[in-house]
Structure formats: structure tokens, C-alpha cells
C-alpha atoms as a PDB file:
ATOM      1  CA  UNK A   1       0.000   0.000   0.000  1.00  0.00           C
ATOM      2  CA  UNK A   2       1.271   3.461  -0.912  1.00  0.00           C
ATOM      3  CA  UNK A   3       0.488   6.632   0.975  1.00  0.00           C
ATOM      4  CA  UNK A   4       0.970  10.108  -0.460  1.00  0.00           C
ATOM      5  CA  UNK A   5       1.098  13.300   1.572  1.00  0.00           C
ATOM      6  CA  UNK A   6       1.197  16.750   0.007  1.00  0.00           C
ATOM      7  CA  UNK A   7       2.604  19.848   1.685  1.00  0.00           C
ATOM      8  CA  UNK A   8       3.559  23.392   0.820  1.00  0.00           C
ATOM      9  CA  UNK A   9       0.191  24.880   0.017  1.00  0.00           C
ATOM     10  CA  UNK A  10      -0.949  28.217   1.374  1.00  0.00           C
ATOM     11  CA  UNK A  11      -2.021  31.751   0.592  1.00  0.00           C
ATOM     12  CA  UNK A  12       0.067  33.795  -1.826  1.00  0.00           C
ATOM     13  CA  UNK A  13      -0.413  37.002  -3.759  1.00  0.00           C
ATOM     14  CA  UNK A  14      -0.738  36.998  -7.514  1.00  0.00           C
ATOM     15  CA  UNK A  15       2.676  36.871  -9.127  1.00  0.00           C
ATOM     16  CA  UNK A  16       4.145  34.961  -6.220  1.00  0.00           C
ATOM     17  CA  UNK A  17       5.567  31.463  -5.972  1.00  0.00           C
ATOM     18  CA  UNK A  18       4.995  28.280  -4.008  1.00  0.00           C
ATOM     19  CA  UNK A  19       6.616  24.871  -4.035  1.00  0.00           C
ATOM     20  CA  UNK A  20       4.461  21.865  -3.353  1.00  0.00           C
ATOM     21  CA  UNK A  21       5.946  18.591  -2.172  1.00  0.00           C
ATOM     22  CA  UNK A  22       4.469  15.113  -2.195  1.00  0.00           C
ATOM     23  CA  UNK A  23       6.116  12.440  -0.079  1.00  0.00           C
ATOM     24  CA  UNK A  24       5.397   8.812  -0.864  1.00  0.00           C
ATOM     25  CA  UNK A  25       5.655   5.879   1.482  1.00  0.00           C
ATOM     26  CA  UNK A  26       6.624   2.420   0.396  1.00  0.00           C
ATOM     27  CA  UNK A  27       9.333   1.016  -1.772  1.00  0.00           C
ATOM     28  CA  UNK A  28      10.168   1.243  -5.441  1.00  0.00           C
ATOM     29  CA  UNK A  29       9.238   4.927  -5.732  1.00  0.00           C
ATOM     30  CA  UNK A  30      11.520   5.218  -8.741  1.00  0.00           C
ATOM     31  CA  UNK A  31       9.370   2.660 -10.566  1.00  0.00           C
ATOM     32  CA  UNK A  32       6.252   4.816 -10.541  1.00  0.00           C
ATOM     33  CA  UNK A  33       4.913   7.658 -12.656  1.00  0.00           C
ATOM     34  CA  UNK A  34       3.731  10.723 -10.723  1.00  0.00           C
ATOM     35  CA  UNK A  35       1.348  13.547 -11.435  1.00  0.00           C
ATOM     36  CA  UNK A  36      -0.193  16.693 -10.040  1.00  0.00           C
ATOM     37  CA  UNK A  37      -3.851  17.567 -10.462  1.00  0.00           C
ATOM     38  CA  UNK A  38      -6.045  20.330  -9.088  1.00  0.00           C
ATOM     39  CA  UNK A  39      -9.684  20.938  -8.366  1.00  0.00           C
ATOM     40  CA  UNK A  40     -11.301  24.312  -7.901  1.00  0.00           C
ATOM     41  CA  UNK A  41     -14.711  24.731  -6.235  1.00  0.00           C
ATOM     42  CA  UNK A  42     -17.487  23.689  -8.566  1.00  0.00           C
ATOM     43  CA  UNK A  43     -15.090  22.348 -11.172  1.00  0.00           C
ATOM     44  CA  UNK A  44     -13.818  18.927 -12.148  1.00  0.00           C
ATOM     45  CA  UNK A  45     -10.361  17.721 -11.239  1.00  0.00           C
ATOM     46  CA  UNK A  46      -7.907  18.727 -13.943  1.00  0.00           C
ATOM     47  CA  UNK A  47      -4.440  17.691 -14.997  1.00  0.00           C
ATOM     48  CA  UNK A  48      -1.590  20.039 -14.063  1.00  0.00           C
ATOM     49  CA  UNK A  49       1.716  18.221 -14.624  1.00  0.00           C
ATOM     50  CA  UNK A  50       3.178  14.737 -14.816  1.00  0.00           C
ATOM     51  CA  UNK A  51       6.587  13.135 -14.731  1.00  0.00           C
ATOM     52  CA  UNK A  52       7.850   9.734 -15.711  1.00  0.00           C
ATOM     53  CA  UNK A  53       9.665   7.302 -13.445  1.00  0.00           C
ATOM     54  CA  UNK A  54      13.151   8.669 -14.059  1.00  0.00           C
ATOM     55  CA  UNK A  55      12.286  12.352 -14.264  1.00  0.00           C
ATOM     56  CA  UNK A  56      13.492  12.497 -17.822  1.00  0.00           C
ATOM     57  CA  UNK A  57      10.084  13.169 -19.339  1.00  0.00           C
ATOM     58  CA  UNK A  58       7.425  15.638 -18.254  1.00  0.00           C
ATOM     59  CA  UNK A  59       4.146  17.072 -19.489  1.00  0.00           C
ATOM     60  CA  UNK A  60       2.120  20.119 -18.520  1.00  0.00           C
ATOM     61  CA  UNK A  61      -1.320  21.539 -18.968  1.00  0.00           C
ATOM     62  CA  UNK A  62      -1.299  24.483 -21.363  1.00  0.00           C
ATOM     63  CA  UNK A  63      -2.537  26.754 -18.586  1.00  0.00           C
ATOM     64  CA  UNK A  64       0.622  26.232 -16.514  1.00  0.00           C
ATOM     65  CA  UNK A  65       3.329  25.787 -19.148  1.00  0.00           C
ATOM     66  CA  UNK A  66       6.226  28.112 -18.548  1.00  0.00           C
ATOM     67  CA  UNK A  67       5.087  28.843 -14.992  1.00  0.00           C
ATOM     68  CA  UNK A  68       5.097  25.460 -13.235  1.00  0.00           C
ATOM     69  CA  UNK A  69       7.857  22.856 -13.058  1.00  0.00           C
ATOM     70  CA  UNK A  70       7.465  19.273 -11.915  1.00  0.00           C
ATOM     71  CA  UNK A  71      10.470  17.362 -10.623  1.00  0.00           C
ATOM     72  CA  UNK A  72      11.241  14.358  -8.468  1.00  0.00           C
ATOM     73  CA  UNK A  73      13.908  13.128  -6.095  1.00  0.00           C
ATOM     74  CA  UNK A  74      13.763   9.351  -6.076  1.00  0.00           C
ATOM     75  CA  UNK A  75      16.232   9.131  -3.211  1.00  0.00           C
ATOM     76  CA  UNK A  76      13.758  11.069  -1.064  1.00  0.00           C
ATOM     77  CA  UNK A  77      10.586   9.443  -2.434  1.00  0.00           C
ATOM     78  CA  UNK A  78       9.318  12.929  -3.209  1.00  0.00           C
ATOM     79  CA  UNK A  79       7.839  14.758  -6.174  1.00  0.00           C
ATOM     80  CA  UNK A  80       7.698  18.550  -6.355  1.00  0.00           C
ATOM     81  CA  UNK A  81       5.673  21.185  -8.125  1.00  0.00           C
ATOM     82  CA  UNK A  82       7.374  24.563  -8.339  1.00  0.00           C
ATOM     83  CA  UNK A  83       4.750  27.170  -9.118  1.00  0.00           C
ATOM     84  CA  UNK A  84       5.698  30.674 -10.219  1.00  0.00           C
ATOM     85  CA  UNK A  85       3.850  33.706 -11.561  1.00  0.00           C
ATOM     86  CA  UNK A  86       0.765  32.462  -9.782  1.00  0.00           C
ATOM     87  CA  UNK A  87      -2.638  33.745 -10.854  1.00  0.00           C
ATOM     88  CA  UNK A  88      -5.950  33.846  -8.980  1.00  0.00           C
ATOM     89  CA  UNK A  89      -7.249  31.170 -11.367  1.00  0.00           C
ATOM     90  CA  UNK A  90      -4.602  28.792  -9.990  1.00  0.00           C
ATOM     91  CA  UNK A  91      -6.559  28.703  -6.737  1.00  0.00           C
ATOM     92  CA  UNK A  92      -7.550  25.092  -6.060  1.00  0.00           C
ATOM     93  CA  UNK A  93      -6.852  22.026  -3.995  1.00  0.00           C
ATOM     94  CA  UNK A  94      -3.774  20.373  -5.453  1.00  0.00           C
ATOM     95  CA  UNK A  95      -3.413  16.607  -5.408  1.00  0.00           C
ATOM     96  CA  UNK A  96      -0.478  14.398  -6.193  1.00  0.00           C
ATOM     97  CA  UNK A  97      -1.038  10.975  -7.670  1.00  0.00           C
ATOM     98  CA  UNK A  98       0.963   7.833  -8.361  1.00  0.00           C
ATOM     99  CA  UNK A  99       0.600   5.214 -11.047  1.00  0.00           C
ATOM    100  CA  UNK A 100       2.397   2.098  -9.932  1.00  0.00           C
ATOM    101  CA  UNK A 101       5.057   0.499 -12.072  1.00  0.00           C
ATOM    102  CA  UNK A 102       4.590   2.866 -14.966  1.00  0.00           C
ATOM    103  CA  UNK A 103       7.565   4.194 -16.888  1.00  0.00           C
ATOM    104  CA  UNK A 104       5.902   6.829 -19.075  1.00  0.00           C
ATOM    105  CA  UNK A 105       4.167  10.129 -18.379  1.00  0.00           C
ATOM    106  CA  UNK A 106       0.486   9.716 -17.471  1.00  0.00           C
ATOM    107  CA  UNK A 107      -1.950  12.614 -17.840  1.00  0.00           C
ATOM    108  CA  UNK A 108      -5.340  10.939 -17.295  1.00  0.00           C
ATOM    109  CA  UNK A 109      -6.555  10.906 -13.690  1.00  0.00           C
ATOM    110  CA  UNK A 110      -8.373   7.587 -14.092  1.00  0.00           C
ATOM    111  CA  UNK A 111      -5.065   5.876 -14.795  1.00  0.00           C
ATOM    112  CA  UNK A 112      -3.615   6.746 -11.393  1.00  0.00           C
ATOM    113  CA  UNK A 113      -3.706   4.221  -8.579  1.00  0.00           C
ATOM    114  CA  UNK A 114      -3.068   6.316  -5.483  1.00  0.00           C
ATOM    115  CA  UNK A 115      -3.935   9.860  -4.438  1.00  0.00           C
ATOM    116  CA  UNK A 116      -2.929  12.193  -1.668  1.00  0.00           C
ATOM    117  CA  UNK A 117      -5.484  14.073   0.464  1.00  0.00           C
ATOM    118  CA  UNK A 118      -4.642  17.375  -1.246  1.00  0.00           C
ATOM    119  CA  UNK A 119      -3.265  20.745  -0.210  1.00  0.00           C
ATOM    120  CA  UNK A 120      -5.019  24.085  -0.644  1.00  0.00           C
ATOM    121  CA  UNK A 121      -3.429  26.787  -2.767  1.00  0.00           C
ATOM    122  CA  UNK A 122      -5.077  30.203  -2.678  1.00  0.00           C
ATOM    123  CA  UNK A 123      -3.851  33.046  -4.873  1.00  0.00           C
ATOM    124  CA  UNK A 124      -5.150  36.495  -4.000  1.00  0.00           C
ATOM    125  CA  UNK A 125      -5.457  39.287  -6.539  1.00  0.00           C
END
């Protein structure tokens, strides 16, 4: 069983930055694909960024390209989401997700096996 715990959310002004972290329990972290998703009130959960098992391949939603960066440290069982130039429309609960034993980038939420409880990001104007 894998457990994911996000941290790093909070309140920030527009134009500011935050770094989210997601720590995973269990073994073989480097064998899994990871992703970040978000859900704003009244909206469906949407893809933000994803990274393959080695960190050598990434993908981003068009709305965050050039502003967000996903990375991972397999030695620390942790995936990160560096968010810059934040906008009020980035306000949402951010979730990390893990697809077990997957080597490629995964962008579809239904393909993920495990989810964290989420962390709130609020961007004020």
C-alpha cells in the first residue's frame, strides 16, 4: 500500500511562488509515474503536470506551461511542483497521484492508482 502526503500549500499574492511537495511511502518509488492535479470549487479535477519514473520526461497543462515545473527526487521518495507567476485562477486544492510500475508520463486521472489528500493553494489578486 502506498500513501501520499502533500505539503507546501498556502495563501500567496498573484505573481508569487509556491513549491508543493508530495512524499510517498513504500518502496520502489523510482518505478512509478507521478502527477499533479487540481480541483477548484465547482469544477472537475484537472491535470496540471506529470513526470515519468526517471524524471526524464514531463508534461504540462497548457494553462501552466512556462510557470510550473514538476520534478522528483527518487532518493527522497518525493515529487515537487514549483509554481511561479501564480494567478488567482490557480486557486484550487492540489493533489499528487501515483501510477504504480509505470515508466511513461500519465496525464489521465483515471489511470492513477493512489492519491494524496490534497493541499489548498489560494492566490489572491
